[in-house]
Protein backbone atom coordinates (compact mmCIF):
# COMPACT_ATOMS: atom_id res chain seq x y z
CA MET A 1 0.01 0.01 -0.01
CA ARG A 2 2.79 2.36 0.98
CA SER A 3 4.65 1.73 -2.29
CA SER A 4 1.45 2.38 -4.26
CA ILE A 5 1.01 5.77 -2.57
CA ILE A 6 4.63 6.71 -3.25
CA PHE A 7 4.23 5.70 -6.91
CA PHE A 8 1.06 7.78 -7.20
CA VAL A 9 2.82 10.85 -5.73
CA LEU A 10 5.79 10.44 -8.08
CA VAL A 11 3.45 10.17 -11.08
CA GLN A 12 1.64 13.35 -10.02
CA VAL A 13 4.95 15.18 -9.60
CA TYR A 14 6.09 14.00 -13.02
CA LEU A 15 2.84 14.92 -14.75
CA GLY A 16 2.67 18.27 -13.00
CA GLY A 17 6.26 19.17 -13.75
CA ALA A 18 5.38 20.79 -17.08
CA SER A 19 2.95 23.22 -15.40
CA LEU A 20 4.81 24.29 -12.28
CA HIS A 21 3.51 27.59 -11.01
CA HIS A 22 6.74 28.89 -9.41
CA LYS A 23 5.66 32.48 -8.69
CA ILE A 24 3.84 33.19 -11.93
CA THR A 25 0.35 34.62 -12.10
CA TYR A 26 -2.15 34.21 -14.92
CA LYS A 27 -5.61 35.81 -14.83
CA SER A 28 -8.41 36.56 -17.23
CA PHE A 29 -10.14 39.95 -17.16
CA HIS A 30 -13.10 38.37 -15.43
CA ASP A 31 -10.85 36.72 -12.83
CA GLY A 32 -9.61 40.15 -11.85
CA LEU A 33 -13.13 41.56 -11.97
CA ARG A 34 -14.64 38.91 -9.69
CA GLU A 35 -11.78 39.21 -7.21
CA CYS A 36 -12.48 42.92 -6.94
CA ALA A 37 -16.22 42.23 -6.60
CA GLU A 38 -15.40 40.25 -3.47
CA TYR A 39 -13.31 43.11 -2.09
CA TYR A 40 -16.25 45.49 -2.50
CA GLU A 41 -18.82 42.88 -1.30
CA ILE A 42 -20.63 42.88 -4.64
CA SER A 43 -22.69 39.71 -5.03
CA ASN A 44 -22.38 37.43 -8.05
CA CYS A 45 -25.95 38.30 -8.98
CA THR A 46 -25.19 42.03 -9.01
CA LEU A 47 -21.93 41.55 -10.85
CA ASP A 48 -23.60 39.45 -13.53
CA LYS A 49 -26.18 42.24 -13.90
CA TYR A 50 -23.38 44.80 -14.40
CA ILE A 51 -21.78 42.60 -17.05
CA ALA A 52 -25.09 41.99 -18.83
CA GLU A 53 -25.69 45.76 -18.91
CA SER A 54 -22.19 46.36 -20.40
CA TYR A 55 -20.79 47.91 -17.23
CA PRO A 56 -23.09 50.91 -16.62
CA ASN A 57 -21.57 54.25 -15.71
CA ILE A 58 -22.37 54.29 -11.99
CA GLU A 59 -20.05 54.80 -9.04
CA PRO A 60 -19.92 51.13 -7.87
CA VAL A 61 -18.94 50.02 -11.36
CA GLN A 62 -16.35 52.78 -11.65
CA ARG A 63 -14.73 51.62 -8.41
CA LEU A 64 -14.94 48.00 -9.56
CA ILE A 65 -13.24 48.71 -12.90
CA HIS A 66 -10.57 50.86 -11.23
CA CYS A 67 -9.81 48.00 -8.84
CA THR A 68 -9.71 45.48 -11.71
CA LEU A 69 -7.22 47.51 -13.74
CA HIS A 70 -4.98 47.72 -10.69
CA ASN A 71 -5.51 44.02 -10.00
CA LEU A 72 -4.28 43.19 -13.50
CA VAL A 73 -1.25 45.51 -13.02
CA SER A 74 -2.41 47.48 -16.05
CA TRP A 75 -3.08 50.88 -14.50
CA THR A 76 -1.23 53.61 -12.61
CA ASP A 77 -3.14 56.48 -11.01
CA GLY A 78 -1.93 59.72 -12.55
CA LYS A 79 -0.33 58.03 -15.56
CA GLY A 80 -3.17 55.86 -16.81
CA VAL A 81 -3.34 52.54 -18.61
CA LYS A 82 -0.35 50.35 -19.46
CA GLU A 83 -1.22 49.45 -23.03
CA HIS A 84 1.41 46.71 -23.25
CA VAL A 85 -0.44 44.92 -20.43
CA PHE A 86 -4.12 45.77 -20.89
CA ARG A 87 -4.11 44.99 -24.64
CA ASN A 88 -3.72 41.30 -23.79
CA PHE A 89 -7.25 41.14 -22.36
CA PHE A 90 -8.98 42.15 -25.62
CA VAL A 91 -9.33 40.48 -29.02
CA PRO A 92 -9.66 42.84 -32.05
CA ALA A 93 -12.14 42.00 -34.77
CA VAL A 94 -10.70 40.11 -37.76
CA GLY A 95 -9.57 42.58 -40.41
CA ASP A 96 -9.66 45.59 -38.09
CA THR A 97 -6.32 47.40 -38.45
CA CYS A 98 -7.27 50.68 -36.78
CA TYR A 99 -8.35 49.47 -33.33
CA ALA A 100 -5.17 50.64 -31.56
CA ASN A 101 -5.29 54.18 -32.95
CA ARG A 102 -9.01 54.48 -32.20
CA THR A 103 -8.48 53.36 -28.63
CA ARG A 104 -5.58 55.75 -28.04
CA GLU A 105 -7.56 58.66 -29.44
CA CYS A 106 -10.49 57.74 -27.21
CA ILE A 107 -8.22 57.68 -24.15
CA ARG A 108 -6.67 61.04 -25.04
CA SER A 109 -10.19 62.46 -25.12
CA VAL A 110 -10.97 60.95 -21.72
CA PHE A 111 -7.88 62.43 -20.10
CA HIS A 112 -8.55 65.82 -21.66
CA ARG A 113 -12.12 65.80 -20.43
CA LEU A 114 -11.82 64.37 -16.91
CA ASP A 115 -10.11 65.90 -13.90
CA HIS A 116 -6.59 64.61 -13.23
CA GLY A 117 -7.53 63.40 -9.74
CA ASN A 118 -10.70 61.56 -10.78
CA HIS A 119 -9.00 58.16 -10.90
CA PHE A 120 -12.17 56.05 -10.73
CA ALA A 121 -13.83 57.81 -13.69
CA ARG A 122 -10.60 57.86 -15.70
CA ALA A 123 -10.04 54.13 -15.22
CA TYR A 124 -13.68 53.37 -16.06
CA GLU A 125 -13.71 55.51 -19.20
CA THR A 126 -10.38 54.06 -20.30
CA PHE A 127 -11.81 50.55 -19.94
CA GLN A 128 -14.82 51.62 -22.05
CA CYS A 129 -12.42 52.83 -24.76
CA TYR A 130 -10.90 49.36 -24.93
CA TYR A 131 -14.28 47.67 -24.62
CA HIS A 132 -15.77 49.58 -27.54
CA GLN A 133 -12.72 50.36 -29.70
CA TRP A 134 -10.06 47.65 -29.21
CA GLY A 135 -12.21 44.53 -29.31
CA ASN A 136 -14.04 41.86 -27.33
CA ILE A 137 -12.91 40.84 -23.85
CA SER A 138 -10.78 37.71 -24.08
CA PRO A 139 -11.84 34.75 -21.90
CA LYS A 140 -8.23 33.52 -21.72
CA LYS A 141 -5.96 33.90 -18.76
CA GLN A 142 -3.06 36.25 -19.42
CA PHE A 143 0.39 36.69 -17.88
CA ILE A 144 0.24 39.23 -15.06
CA PRO A 145 3.39 41.36 -14.78
CA ARG A 146 4.95 42.30 -11.49
CA THR A 147 4.71 45.73 -9.97
CA GLU A 148 8.04 47.47 -9.48
CA TYR A 149 7.96 46.46 -5.83
CA ASP A 150 7.19 42.82 -6.66
CA PHE A 151 9.92 42.69 -9.31
CA ASP A 152 12.46 43.97 -6.82
CA THR A 153 11.14 41.39 -4.34
CA LEU A 154 11.80 38.71 -6.97
CA LEU A 155 15.42 39.89 -7.21
CA LEU A 156 15.74 39.83 -3.42
CA GLU A 157 14.41 36.25 -3.42
CA VAL A 158 17.07 35.29 -5.96
CA ILE A 159 19.74 36.83 -3.71
CA GLN A 160 18.38 34.81 -0.79
CA PHE A 161 18.03 31.53 -2.70
CA ARG A 162 21.55 31.81 -4.08
CA HIS A 163 22.88 33.02 -0.71
CA VAL A 164 24.81 35.78 -2.50
CA PRO A 165 27.60 37.03 -0.22
CA GLU A 166 27.71 40.66 0.82
CA CYS A 167 30.93 41.26 -1.04
CA GLU A 168 29.28 40.25 -4.29
CA LEU A 169 26.34 42.55 -3.54
CA ILE A 170 28.83 45.35 -3.17
CA GLU A 171 30.16 44.61 -6.63
CA TYR A 172 26.59 44.62 -7.97
CA SER A 173 25.98 47.98 -6.34
CA LYS A 174 29.03 49.35 -8.14
CA GLY A 175 27.68 48.13 -11.48
CA ASN A 176 30.03 45.12 -11.72
CA VAL A 177 27.29 42.59 -12.45
CA LEU A 178 27.86 40.22 -15.37
CA ASP A 179 31.14 38.68 -14.21
CA GLN A 180 29.99 37.88 -10.68
CA PRO A 181 29.76 34.17 -9.80
CA ASN A 182 26.08 34.22 -8.86
CA PHE A 183 24.69 36.38 -11.66
CA ALA A 184 24.27 33.75 -14.39
CA PRO A 185 22.63 31.05 -12.19
CA GLY A 186 20.66 33.75 -10.40
CA TYR A 187 19.42 35.21 -13.69
CA LEU A 188 18.12 31.78 -14.75
CA LEU A 189 16.49 31.29 -11.35
CA GLY A 190 14.75 34.66 -11.51
CA SER A 191 13.71 34.17 -15.13
CA VAL A 192 12.08 30.80 -14.44
CA ARG A 193 10.52 31.86 -11.15
CA GLY A 194 9.22 35.06 -12.76
CA GLY A 195 7.70 33.42 -15.84
CA TYR A 196 10.11 34.88 -18.40
CA TYR A 197 11.82 31.57 -19.21
CA SER A 198 10.76 27.93 -19.30
CA LEU A 199 13.05 24.91 -19.35
CA LYS A 200 10.55 23.38 -21.80
CA HIS A 201 9.72 26.32 -24.09
CA GLY A 202 12.69 28.67 -23.61
CA ILE A 203 12.50 32.44 -23.37
CA SER A 204 9.14 34.23 -23.53
CA LEU A 205 9.66 37.57 -25.27
CA GLU A 206 5.91 38.21 -25.00
CA ASN A 207 5.98 37.92 -21.20
CA LEU A 208 9.06 40.12 -21.06
CA TYR A 209 7.24 42.67 -23.19
CA THR A 210 4.19 42.54 -20.88
CA GLN A 211 6.52 43.08 -17.91
CA PHE A 212 8.69 45.86 -19.28
CA GLY A 213 6.82 47.34 -22.24
CA CYS A 214 9.98 47.69 -24.37
CA PRO A 215 8.85 47.53 -28.06
CA GLU A 216 12.30 46.22 -29.09
CA LEU A 217 11.36 42.90 -27.47
CA LEU A 218 8.89 42.21 -30.27
CA THR A 219 11.18 43.10 -33.18
CA LYS A 220 12.42 40.66 -35.76
CA GLU A 221 16.03 41.61 -35.03
CA LEU A 222 15.86 40.70 -31.37
CA LYS A 223 14.03 37.44 -32.07
CA GLN A 224 16.80 36.53 -34.52
CA CYS A 225 19.42 37.35 -31.90
CA VAL A 226 17.75 35.01 -29.39
CA GLU A 227 17.33 32.24 -31.96
CA GLY A 228 20.98 32.59 -32.91
CA VAL A 229 22.12 32.07 -29.32
CA VAL A 230 19.83 29.04 -28.87
CA LYS A 231 21.16 27.49 -32.08
CA GLN A 232 24.81 28.17 -31.26
CA TYR A 233 24.53 26.87 -27.69
CA CYS A 234 21.98 24.10 -28.29
CA ASP A 235 24.09 21.54 -26.37
CA ASP A 236 24.77 23.79 -23.37
CA SER A 237 22.78 24.21 -20.19
CA HIS A 238 19.82 26.55 -19.83
CA GLU A 239 22.01 28.64 -17.56
CA VAL A 240 24.53 29.19 -20.34
CA LYS A 241 21.84 29.92 -22.95
CA GLN A 242 20.11 32.42 -20.69
CA PHE A 243 23.33 34.15 -19.72
CA VAL A 244 24.54 34.59 -23.31
CA THR A 245 21.04 35.64 -24.45
CA PHE A 246 20.99 38.32 -21.78
CA LYS A 247 24.52 39.43 -22.53
CA ASN A 248 24.15 39.55 -26.32
CA CYS A 249 20.49 40.37 -26.87
CA LEU A 250 18.69 41.74 -23.79
CA ASN A 251 21.16 43.60 -21.60
CA SER A 252 20.61 46.92 -23.35
CA VAL A 253 16.84 46.41 -23.69
CA ILE A 254 15.32 45.24 -20.39
CA PRO A 255 16.22 47.02 -17.11
CA TRP A 256 17.21 43.83 -15.27
CA TYR A 257 20.82 44.97 -14.93
CA SER A 258 19.92 48.36 -13.51
CA ARG A 259 17.40 46.83 -11.06
CA VAL A 260 20.06 44.41 -9.78
CA VAL A 261 22.28 47.43 -9.06
CA ALA A 262 19.45 49.33 -7.36
CA VAL A 263 18.25 46.36 -5.24
CA SER A 264 21.80 45.57 -4.16
CA LYS A 265 22.30 49.14 -2.99
CA GLU A 266 19.02 49.01 -1.08
CA LYS A 267 19.94 45.73 0.62
CA LEU A 268 23.36 47.06 1.57
CA TYR A 269 22.12 50.44 2.84
CA GLY A 270 23.55 51.17 6.25
CA LYS A 271 25.88 48.22 6.24
CA ALA A 272 29.63 48.50 6.46
CA PRO A 273 31.40 47.02 3.41
CA CYS A 274 33.00 43.65 3.98
CA LYS A 275 36.78 43.38 3.91
CA SER A 276 37.16 40.41 1.60
CA CYS A 277 35.18 38.09 -0.59
CA VAL A 278 37.37 35.04 -1.10
CA ALA A 279 34.67 32.93 -2.70
CA ALA A 280 33.90 35.48 -5.38
CA LYS A 281 37.58 35.99 -6.16
CA GLU A 282 38.54 32.32 -6.21
CA VAL A 283 35.51 30.97 -8.04
CA PRO A 284 34.68 33.35 -10.91
CA TYR A 285 31.74 32.42 -13.08
CA VAL A 286 32.87 30.60 -16.22
CA VAL A 287 30.66 29.79 -19.18
CA HIS A 288 31.89 26.45 -20.45
CA HIS A 289 32.34 25.86 -24.16
CA VAL A 290 31.92 29.57 -24.93
CA PRO A 291 34.50 30.90 -27.37
CA ALA A 292 36.75 33.74 -26.22
CA SER A 293 35.02 36.03 -28.70
CA VAL A 294 31.79 35.73 -26.75
CA GLY A 295 33.50 36.88 -23.56
CA ALA A 296 33.90 40.28 -25.16
CA ALA A 297 30.22 40.18 -26.17
CA PRO A 298 29.23 41.27 -29.66
CA LYS A 299 27.85 44.74 -29.93
CA PRO A 300 24.17 44.55 -28.94
CA TYR A 301 21.39 45.62 -31.28
CA TYR A 302 20.38 48.43 -28.97
CA ASN A 303 22.60 50.96 -27.27
CA VAL A 304 20.81 52.12 -24.12
CA ASP A 305 22.80 53.11 -21.07
CA HIS A 306 21.58 51.64 -17.78
């Protein structure tokens, strides 16, 4: 009996391995909506009525939509909607090529018309622009990006999981990041835990775009850069592939590097610098099977200082 139970558990672990959650969140628009309905004690019956009436312009619905946009990490009070996030929850009509421009024009009108501090009405009207101009609400669950705070928390978790020594954090805080012994394995850890990389499917440029909103992530040139690394290092570990991909293709595009520097400074604030870091000096990170030419790193496609 005991052996049967153990076998069953092992089978479940094996079958579930392809869909590990790590610390990745996926929600549909209606998931976020119904969560917010609970926060405001709105019954399912009332919520269904709001949906059937196409979200009427009344104060409870305004508050509900404002909450939902925040819940989906697609809105910032004062700045407005994050198009690179909120677009994922709508499906344009087939053949419609003007939906994005119509929606943006609608939002500009909303922000011109409504008071800057009227966050509930602005969020509600912005949603209506997407609802009527962008397309139908998608029933599919979408990748939810991290807030700035949560992304920094992810980096702190990587530091904790890797047990990065203080001396190495000091190097990070100085901007000496790529050659540190824990950066490459830590970058893989954070990428997998954050939903930006899968050991089964590889890198997700779409999720990175949803997180950071950098349009370069969706360009043909960057995709070719990533595919080139994967092809060249097909026999190497995921750690190697991720490290070289970051170094050659992403370092100048996504702000991962600069956030590592900032988080390291924050973690070290108020601490006296350590006197030595033997481990970091004696065990430098080495990418096996990588030609010397890669160590110098080819010039990236994008030149953006961090």
